[in-house]
PDB file of N, CA and C in Angstrom:
ATOM      1  N   THR A   1     -31.602   9.380 179.940  1.00  0.00           N
ATOM      2  CA  THR A   1     -32.777   9.997 179.349  1.00  0.00           C
ATOM      3  C   THR A   1     -33.239  11.206 180.150  1.00  0.00           C
ATOM      4  N   ASN A   2     -32.571  11.512 181.223  1.00  0.00           N
ATOM      5  CA  ASN A   2     -32.936  12.672 182.027  1.00  0.00           C
ATOM      6  C   ASN A   2     -34.370  12.564 182.558  1.00  0.00           C
ATOM      7  N   GLN A   3     -34.781  11.334 182.872  1.00  0.00           N
ATOM      8  CA  GLN A   3     -36.100  11.001 183.411  1.00  0.00           C
ATOM      9  C   GLN A   3     -37.238  11.365 182.473  1.00  0.00           C
ATOM     10  N   GLN A   4     -36.980  11.371 181.185  1.00  0.00           N
ATOM     11  CA  GLN A   4     -38.030  11.597 180.202  1.00  0.00           C
ATOM     12  C   GLN A   4     -38.270  10.303 179.455  1.00  0.00           C
ATOM     13  N   LEU A   5     -39.527   9.998 179.227  1.00  0.00           N
ATOM     14  CA  LEU A   5     -39.842   8.815 178.450  1.00  0.00           C
ATOM     15  C   LEU A   5     -39.524   9.074 176.991  1.00  0.00           C
ATOM     16  N   GLY A   6     -39.017   8.063 176.340  1.00  0.00           N
ATOM     17  CA  GLY A   6     -38.827   8.159 174.899  1.00  0.00           C
ATOM     18  C   GLY A   6     -40.144   7.834 174.225  1.00  0.00           C
ATOM     19  N   LYS A   7     -40.068   7.203 173.101  1.00  0.00           N
ATOM     20  CA  LYS A   7     -41.277   6.796 172.404  1.00  0.00           C
ATOM     21  C   LYS A   7     -41.686   5.427 172.925  1.00  0.00           C
ATOM     22  N   ILE A   8     -42.946   5.296 173.257  1.00  0.00           N
ATOM     23  CA  ILE A   8     -43.478   4.041 173.758  1.00  0.00           C
ATOM     24  C   ILE A   8     -44.148   3.327 172.594  1.00  0.00           C
ATOM     25  N   PRO A   9     -43.785   2.073 172.352  1.00  0.00           N
ATOM     26  CA  PRO A   9     -44.426   1.363 171.237  1.00  0.00           C
ATOM     27  C   PRO A   9     -45.899   1.102 171.536  1.00  0.00           C
ATOM     28  N   LEU A  10     -46.735   1.230 170.517  1.00  0.00           N
ATOM     29  CA  LEU A  10     -48.144   0.899 170.639  1.00  0.00           C
ATOM     30  C   LEU A  10     -48.318  -0.566 170.281  1.00  0.00           C
ATOM     31  N   VAL A  11     -48.994  -1.302 171.147  1.00  0.00           N
ATOM     32  CA  VAL A  11     -49.191  -2.731 170.955  1.00  0.00           C
ATOM     33  C   VAL A  11     -50.682  -3.032 171.078  1.00  0.00           C
ATOM     34  N   LEU A  12     -51.228  -3.717 170.094  1.00  0.00           N
ATOM     35  CA  LEU A  12     -52.639  -4.079 170.164  1.00  0.00           C
ATOM     36  C   LEU A  12     -52.905  -4.865 171.438  1.00  0.00           C
ATOM     37  N   GLY A  13     -53.991  -4.521 172.114  1.00  0.00           N
ATOM     38  CA  GLY A  13     -54.358  -5.186 173.356  1.00  0.00           C
ATOM     39  C   GLY A  13     -53.827  -4.498 174.601  1.00  0.00           C
ATOM     40  N   MET A  14     -52.946  -3.498 174.421  1.00  0.00           N
ATOM     41  CA  MET A  14     -52.382  -2.825 175.590  1.00  0.00           C
ATOM     42  C   MET A  14     -53.435  -1.911 176.221  1.00  0.00           C
ATOM     43  N   PRO A  15     -53.394  -1.770 177.541  1.00  0.00           N
ATOM     44  CA  PRO A  15     -54.309  -0.818 178.177  1.00  0.00           C
ATOM     45  C   PRO A  15     -53.875   0.609 177.869  1.00  0.00           C
ATOM     46  N   VAL A  16     -54.837   1.483 177.673  1.00  0.00           N
ATOM     47  CA  VAL A  16     -54.555   2.888 177.399  1.00  0.00           C
ATOM     48  C   VAL A  16     -55.474   3.754 178.255  1.00  0.00           C
ATOM     49  N   MET A  17     -55.052   5.000 178.459  1.00  0.00           N
ATOM     50  CA  MET A  17     -55.880   5.960 179.181  1.00  0.00           C
ATOM     51  C   MET A  17     -55.992   7.223 178.332  1.00  0.00           C
ATOM     52  N   ILE A  18     -57.206   7.688 178.151  1.00  0.00           N
ATOM     53  CA  ILE A  18     -57.443   8.933 177.441  1.00  0.00           C
ATOM     54  C   ILE A  18     -56.997  10.070 178.359  1.00  0.00           C
ATOM     55  N   SER A  19     -56.212  10.997 177.809  1.00  0.00           N
ATOM     56  CA  SER A  19     -55.689  12.073 178.651  1.00  0.00           C
ATOM     57  C   SER A  19     -56.232  13.447 178.249  1.00  0.00           C
ATOM     58  N   GLN A  20     -57.186  13.467 177.330  1.00  0.00           N
ATOM     59  CA  GLN A  20     -57.820  14.718 176.925  1.00  0.00           C
ATOM     60  C   GLN A  20     -59.311  14.473 176.763  1.00  0.00           C
ATOM     61  N   ASN A  21     -60.104  15.466 177.076  1.00  0.00           N
ATOM     62  CA  ASN A  21     -61.541  15.367 176.836  1.00  0.00           C
ATOM     63  C   ASN A  21     -61.789  15.551 175.349  1.00  0.00           C
ATOM     64  N   PHE A  22     -62.317  14.521 174.659  1.00  0.00           N
ATOM     65  CA  PHE A  22     -62.648  14.755 173.261  1.00  0.00           C
ATOM     66  C   PHE A  22     -64.054  14.330 172.882  1.00  0.00           C
ATOM     67  N   ASP A  23     -64.811  13.721 173.793  1.00  0.00           N
ATOM     68  CA  ASP A  23     -66.247  13.484 173.588  1.00  0.00           C
ATOM     69  C   ASP A  23     -66.891  13.398 174.962  1.00  0.00           C
ATOM     70  N   VAL A  24     -67.085  14.561 175.574  1.00  0.00           N
ATOM     71  CA  VAL A  24     -67.571  14.624 176.952  1.00  0.00           C
ATOM     72  C   VAL A  24     -68.942  13.979 177.081  1.00  0.00           C
ATOM     73  N   GLU A  25     -69.841  14.246 176.132  1.00  0.00           N
ATOM     74  CA  GLU A  25     -71.194  13.678 176.204  1.00  0.00           C
ATOM     75  C   GLU A  25     -71.183  12.161 176.216  1.00  0.00           C
ATOM     76  N   ALA A  26     -70.243  11.556 175.506  1.00  0.00           N
ATOM     77  CA  ALA A  26     -70.159  10.096 175.426  1.00  0.00           C
ATOM     78  C   ALA A  26     -69.311   9.499 176.547  1.00  0.00           C
ATOM     79  N   GLY A  27     -68.707  10.342 177.383  1.00  0.00           N
ATOM     80  CA  GLY A  27     -67.892   9.839 178.478  1.00  0.00           C
ATOM     81  C   GLY A  27     -66.459   9.532 178.097  1.00  0.00           C
ATOM     82  N   VAL A  28     -66.021   9.970 176.917  1.00  0.00           N
ATOM     83  CA  VAL A  28     -64.637   9.760 176.489  1.00  0.00           C
ATOM     84  C   VAL A  28     -63.865  11.004 176.918  1.00  0.00           C
ATOM     85  N   VAL A  29     -63.404  10.957 178.164  1.00  0.00           N
ATOM     86  CA  VAL A  29     -62.809  12.130 178.806  1.00  0.00           C
ATOM     87  C   VAL A  29     -61.488  11.747 179.473  1.00  0.00           C
ATOM     88  N   ASN A  30     -60.779  12.758 179.951  1.00  0.00           N
ATOM     89  CA  ASN A  30     -59.530  12.549 180.668  1.00  0.00           C
ATOM     90  C   ASN A  30     -59.740  11.514 181.775  1.00  0.00           C
ATOM     91  N   GLY A  31     -58.972  10.439 181.731  1.00  0.00           N
ATOM     92  CA  GLY A  31     -59.067   9.376 182.724  1.00  0.00           C
ATOM     93  C   GLY A  31     -59.828   8.151 182.254  1.00  0.00           C
ATOM     94  N   CYS A  32     -60.523   8.255 181.129  1.00  0.00           N
ATOM     95  CA  CYS A  32     -61.243   7.111 180.568  1.00  0.00           C
ATOM     96  C   CYS A  32     -60.215   6.051 180.156  1.00  0.00           C
ATOM     97  N   THR A  33     -60.445   4.808 180.550  1.00  0.00           N
ATOM     98  CA  THR A  33     -59.503   3.738 180.213  1.00  0.00           C
ATOM     99  C   THR A  33     -60.119   2.794 179.199  1.00  0.00           C
ATOM    100  N   GLY A  34     -59.238   2.106 178.478  1.00  0.00           N
ATOM    101  CA  GLY A  34     -59.695   1.153 177.489  1.00  0.00           C
ATOM    102  C   GLY A  34     -58.552   0.292 176.997  1.00  0.00           C
ATOM    103  N   THR A  35     -58.806  -0.411 175.921  1.00  0.00           N
ATOM    104  CA  THR A  35     -57.836  -1.324 175.324  1.00  0.00           C
ATOM    105  C   THR A  35     -57.632  -0.942 173.867  1.00  0.00           C
ATOM    106  N   LEU A  36     -56.371  -0.867 173.444  1.00  0.00           N
ATOM    107  CA  LEU A  36     -56.033  -0.521 172.069  1.00  0.00           C
ATOM    108  C   LEU A  36     -56.410  -1.673 171.145  1.00  0.00           C
ATOM    109  N   LYS A  37     -57.234  -1.381 170.135  1.00  0.00           N
ATOM    110  CA  LYS A  37     -57.733  -2.423 169.234  1.00  0.00           C
ATOM    111  C   LYS A  37     -57.200  -2.334 167.814  1.00  0.00           C
ATOM    112  N   CYS A  38     -56.887  -1.131 167.329  1.00  0.00           N
ATOM    113  CA  CYS A  38     -56.461  -0.963 165.942  1.00  0.00           C
ATOM    114  C   CYS A  38     -55.623   0.303 165.842  1.00  0.00           C
ATOM    115  N   ILE A  39     -54.592   0.278 164.988  1.00  0.00           N
ATOM    116  CA  ILE A  39     -53.730   1.446 164.786  1.00  0.00           C
ATOM    117  C   ILE A  39     -53.541   1.648 163.286  1.00  0.00           C
ATOM    118  N   ARG A  40     -53.664   2.894 162.832  1.00  0.00           N
ATOM    119  CA  ARG A  40     -53.333   3.247 161.450  1.00  0.00           C
ATOM    120  C   ARG A  40     -52.078   4.101 161.486  1.00  0.00           C
ATOM    121  N   TYR A  41     -51.165   3.829 160.552  1.00  0.00           N
ATOM    122  CA  TYR A  41     -49.880   4.526 160.487  1.00  0.00           C
ATOM    123  C   TYR A  41     -49.702   5.214 159.152  1.00  0.00           C
ATOM    124  N   ARG A  42     -48.805   6.194 159.129  1.00  0.00           N
ATOM    125  CA  ARG A  42     -48.230   6.683 157.885  1.00  0.00           C
ATOM    126  C   ARG A  42     -46.732   6.427 158.005  1.00  0.00           C
ATOM    127  N   VAL A  43     -46.079   6.280 156.893  1.00  0.00           N
ATOM    128  CA  VAL A  43     -44.639   5.997 156.879  1.00  0.00           C
ATOM    129  C   VAL A  43     -43.934   7.216 156.294  1.00  0.00           C
ATOM    130  N   ASP A  44     -42.930   7.729 157.026  1.00  0.00           N
ATOM    131  CA  ASP A  44     -42.201   8.897 156.539  1.00  0.00           C
ATOM    132  C   ASP A  44     -41.106   8.478 155.560  1.00  0.00           C
ATOM    133  N   LYS A  45     -40.354   9.446 155.056  1.00  0.00           N
ATOM    134  CA  LYS A  45     -39.326   9.181 154.041  1.00  0.00           C
ATOM    135  C   LYS A  45     -38.218   8.266 154.540  1.00  0.00           C
ATOM    136  N   GLU A  46     -37.990   8.243 155.847  1.00  0.00           N
ATOM    137  CA  GLU A  46     -36.955   7.377 156.420  1.00  0.00           C
ATOM    138  C   GLU A  46     -37.492   5.994 156.795  1.00  0.00           C
ATOM    139  N   GLY A  47     -38.770   5.724 156.484  1.00  0.00           N
ATOM    140  CA  GLY A  47     -39.359   4.423 156.768  1.00  0.00           C
ATOM    141  C   GLY A  47     -39.890   4.279 158.185  1.00  0.00           C
ATOM    142  N   ARG A  48     -39.953   5.382 158.936  1.00  0.00           N
ATOM    143  CA  ARG A  48     -40.475   5.324 160.306  1.00  0.00           C
ATOM    144  C   ARG A  48     -41.993   5.456 160.278  1.00  0.00           C
ATOM    145  N   ARG A  49     -42.653   4.623 161.069  1.00  0.00           N
ATOM    146  CA  ARG A  49     -44.110   4.676 161.164  1.00  0.00           C
ATOM    147  C   ARG A  49     -44.528   5.718 162.195  1.00  0.00           C
ATOM    148  N   GLN A  50     -45.577   6.454 161.865  1.00  0.00           N
ATOM    149  CA  GLN A  50     -46.155   7.434 162.780  1.00  0.00           C
ATOM    150  C   GLN A  50     -47.649   7.162 162.861  1.00  0.00           C
ATOM    151  N   ALA A  51     -48.155   7.000 164.083  1.00  0.00           N
ATOM    152  CA  ALA A  51     -49.578   6.714 164.259  1.00  0.00           C
ATOM    153  C   ALA A  51     -50.405   7.920 163.833  1.00  0.00           C
ATOM    154  N   ILE A  52     -51.453   7.673 163.052  1.00  0.00           N
ATOM    155  CA  ILE A  52     -52.351   8.760 162.645  1.00  0.00           C
ATOM    156  C   ILE A  52     -53.742   8.586 163.256  1.00  0.00           C
ATOM    157  N   SER A  53     -54.101   7.380 163.642  1.00  0.00           N
ATOM    158  CA  SER A  53     -55.366   7.158 164.341  1.00  0.00           C
ATOM    159  C   SER A  53     -55.324   5.791 165.012  1.00  0.00           C
ATOM    160  N   CYS A  54     -56.196   5.635 165.982  1.00  0.00           N
ATOM    161  CA  CYS A  54     -56.323   4.330 166.629  1.00  0.00           C
ATOM    162  C   CYS A  54     -57.751   4.153 167.118  1.00  0.00           C
ATOM    163  N   VAL A  55     -58.124   2.902 167.304  1.00  0.00           N
ATOM    164  CA  VAL A  55     -59.432   2.556 167.843  1.00  0.00           C
ATOM    165  C   VAL A  55     -59.207   1.984 169.236  1.00  0.00           C
ATOM    166  N   VAL A  56     -59.992   2.489 170.179  1.00  0.00           N
ATOM    167  CA  VAL A  56     -59.885   2.049 171.573  1.00  0.00           C
ATOM    168  C   VAL A  56     -61.233   1.496 172.016  1.00  0.00           C
ATOM    169  N   HIS A  57     -61.208   0.307 172.625  1.00  0.00           N
ATOM    170  CA  HIS A  57     -62.414  -0.231 173.256  1.00  0.00           C
ATOM    171  C   HIS A  57     -62.511   0.418 174.628  1.00  0.00           C
ATOM    172  N   ALA A  58     -63.536   1.249 174.815  1.00  0.00           N
ATOM    173  CA  ALA A  58     -63.748   1.984 176.070  1.00  0.00           C
ATOM    174  C   ALA A  58     -65.067   1.511 176.674  1.00  0.00           C
ATOM    175  N   PRO A  59     -65.019   0.527 177.571  1.00  0.00           N
ATOM    176  CA  PRO A  59     -66.258  -0.081 178.069  1.00  0.00           C
ATOM    177  C   PRO A  59     -67.198   0.895 178.777  1.00  0.00           C
ATOM    178  N   ASN A  60     -66.701   1.999 179.290  1.00  0.00           N
ATOM    179  CA  ASN A  60     -67.557   2.961 179.995  1.00  0.00           C
ATOM    180  C   ASN A  60     -68.126   4.043 179.085  1.00  0.00           C
ATOM    181  N   MET A  61     -67.898   3.927 177.780  1.00  0.00           N
ATOM    182  CA  MET A  61     -68.417   4.904 176.828  1.00  0.00           C
ATOM    183  C   MET A  61     -69.943   4.889 176.850  1.00  0.00           C
ATOM    184  N   LEU A  62     -70.544   6.067 176.820  1.00  0.00           N
ATOM    185  CA  LEU A  62     -71.995   6.194 176.918  1.00  0.00           C
ATOM    186  C   LEU A  62     -72.677   6.524 175.604  1.00  0.00           C
ATOM    187  N   GLY A  63     -71.966   7.100 174.663  1.00  0.00           N
ATOM    188  CA  GLY A  63     -72.572   7.607 173.435  1.00  0.00           C
ATOM    189  C   GLY A  63     -72.724   6.560 172.354  1.00  0.00           C
ATOM    190  N   GLU A  64     -73.161   7.043 171.200  1.00  0.00           N
ATOM    191  CA  GLU A  64     -73.331   6.168 170.044  1.00  0.00           C
ATOM    192  C   GLU A  64     -71.991   5.932 169.356  1.00  0.00           C
ATOM    193  N   ASN A  65     -71.870   4.776 168.738  1.00  0.00           N
ATOM    194  CA  ASN A  65     -70.654   4.429 167.997  1.00  0.00           C
ATOM    195  C   ASN A  65     -70.721   4.980 166.587  1.00  0.00           C
ATOM    196  N   LEU A  66     -69.564   5.089 165.971  1.00  0.00           N
ATOM    197  CA  LEU A  66     -69.535   5.321 164.534  1.00  0.00           C
ATOM    198  C   LEU A  66     -70.114   4.077 163.865  1.00  0.00           C
ATOM    199  N   PRO A  67     -70.715   4.224 162.682  1.00  0.00           N
ATOM    200  CA  PRO A  67     -71.443   3.107 162.061  1.00  0.00           C
ATOM    201  C   PRO A  67     -70.658   1.796 161.907  1.00  0.00           C
ATOM    202  N   GLN A  68     -69.373   1.851 161.589  1.00  0.00           N
ATOM    203  CA  GLN A  68     -68.626   0.610 161.332  1.00  0.00           C
ATOM    204  C   GLN A  68     -67.972   0.021 162.576  1.00  0.00           C
ATOM    205  N   LEU A  69     -68.116   0.656 163.727  1.00  0.00           N
ATOM    206  CA  LEU A  69     -67.425   0.193 164.930  1.00  0.00           C
ATOM    207  C   LEU A  69     -68.340  -0.623 165.834  1.00  0.00           C
ATOM    208  N   PRO A  70     -67.755  -1.615 166.525  1.00  0.00           N
ATOM    209  CA  PRO A  70     -68.540  -2.359 167.524  1.00  0.00           C
ATOM    210  C   PRO A  70     -68.900  -1.447 168.699  1.00  0.00           C
ATOM    211  N   ASP A  71     -69.809  -1.907 169.540  1.00  0.00           N
ATOM    212  CA  ASP A  71     -70.207  -1.148 170.720  1.00  0.00           C
ATOM    213  C   ASP A  71     -69.008  -0.792 171.579  1.00  0.00           C
ATOM    214  N   HIS A  72     -69.047   0.409 172.137  1.00  0.00           N
ATOM    215  CA  HIS A  72     -68.043   0.914 173.084  1.00  0.00           C
ATOM    216  C   HIS A  72     -66.653   1.068 172.481  1.00  0.00           C
ATOM    217  N   HIS A  73     -66.569   1.292 171.183  1.00  0.00           N
ATOM    218  CA  HIS A  73     -65.291   1.552 170.521  1.00  0.00           C
ATOM    219  C   HIS A  73     -65.266   3.005 170.048  1.00  0.00           C
ATOM    220  N   VAL A  74     -64.145   3.683 170.282  1.00  0.00           N
ATOM    221  CA  VAL A  74     -63.992   5.075 169.884  1.00  0.00           C
ATOM    222  C   VAL A  74     -62.728   5.225 169.048  1.00  0.00           C
ATOM    223  N   VAL A  75     -62.700   6.266 168.232  1.00  0.00           N
ATOM    224  CA  VAL A  75     -61.541   6.546 167.393  1.00  0.00           C
ATOM    225  C   VAL A  75     -60.820   7.760 167.957  1.00  0.00           C
ATOM    226  N   ALA A  76     -59.510   7.640 168.116  1.00  0.00           N
ATOM    227  CA  ALA A  76     -58.666   8.773 168.493  1.00  0.00           C
ATOM    228  C   ALA A  76     -57.876   9.160 167.255  1.00  0.00           C
ATOM    229  N   LEU A  77     -58.011  10.409 166.836  1.00  0.00           N
ATOM    230  CA  LEU A  77     -57.327  10.900 165.643  1.00  0.00           C
ATOM    231  C   LEU A  77     -56.104  11.715 166.014  1.00  0.00           C
ATOM    232  N   GLU A  78     -55.126  11.708 165.162  1.00  0.00           N
ATOM    233  CA  GLU A  78     -53.868  12.409 165.395  1.00  0.00           C
ATOM    234  C   GLU A  78     -54.066  13.879 165.728  1.00  0.00           C
ATOM    235  N   ASP A  79     -54.979  14.540 165.052  1.00  0.00           N
ATOM    236  CA  ASP A  79     -55.133  15.971 165.294  1.00  0.00           C
ATOM    237  C   ASP A  79     -55.989  16.293 166.518  1.00  0.00           C
ATOM    238  N   SER A  80     -56.544  15.272 167.178  1.00  0.00           N
ATOM    239  CA  SER A  80     -57.357  15.534 168.368  1.00  0.00           C
ATOM    240  C   SER A  80     -56.679  15.079 169.659  1.00  0.00           C
ATOM    241  N   VAL A  81     -55.631  14.272 169.551  1.00  0.00           N
ATOM    242  CA  VAL A  81     -54.922  13.778 170.738  1.00  0.00           C
ATOM    243  C   VAL A  81     -53.441  13.704 170.435  1.00  0.00           C
ATOM    244  N   ASP A  82     -52.633  13.585 171.477  1.00  0.00           N
ATOM    245  CA  ASP A  82     -51.203  13.325 171.297  1.00  0.00           C
ATOM    246  C   ASP A  82     -50.977  11.826 171.296  1.00  0.00           C
ATOM    247  N   MET A  83     -50.303  11.339 170.251  1.00  0.00           N
ATOM    248  CA  MET A  83     -50.008   9.903 170.181  1.00  0.00           C
ATOM    249  C   MET A  83     -48.517   9.697 170.202  1.00  0.00           C
TER     250      MET A  83
END
């Protein structure tokens, strides 16, 4: 692999780290850690799944949640982060 990671499978419950600042006021910034809680996929023509969004439980989050999410849960969208 020439010391390059391939694709890493996403598994519910796995620890994750945010690597981009996408809600600085709420504390969801580079280095914020959490647990993967939910993944939404799209399926391409070859039947391969591609993640389009995920929900992460980020216990150190400071801001308000989206209305349907439990406390300290944030959404990472495909167009705002690399998945």
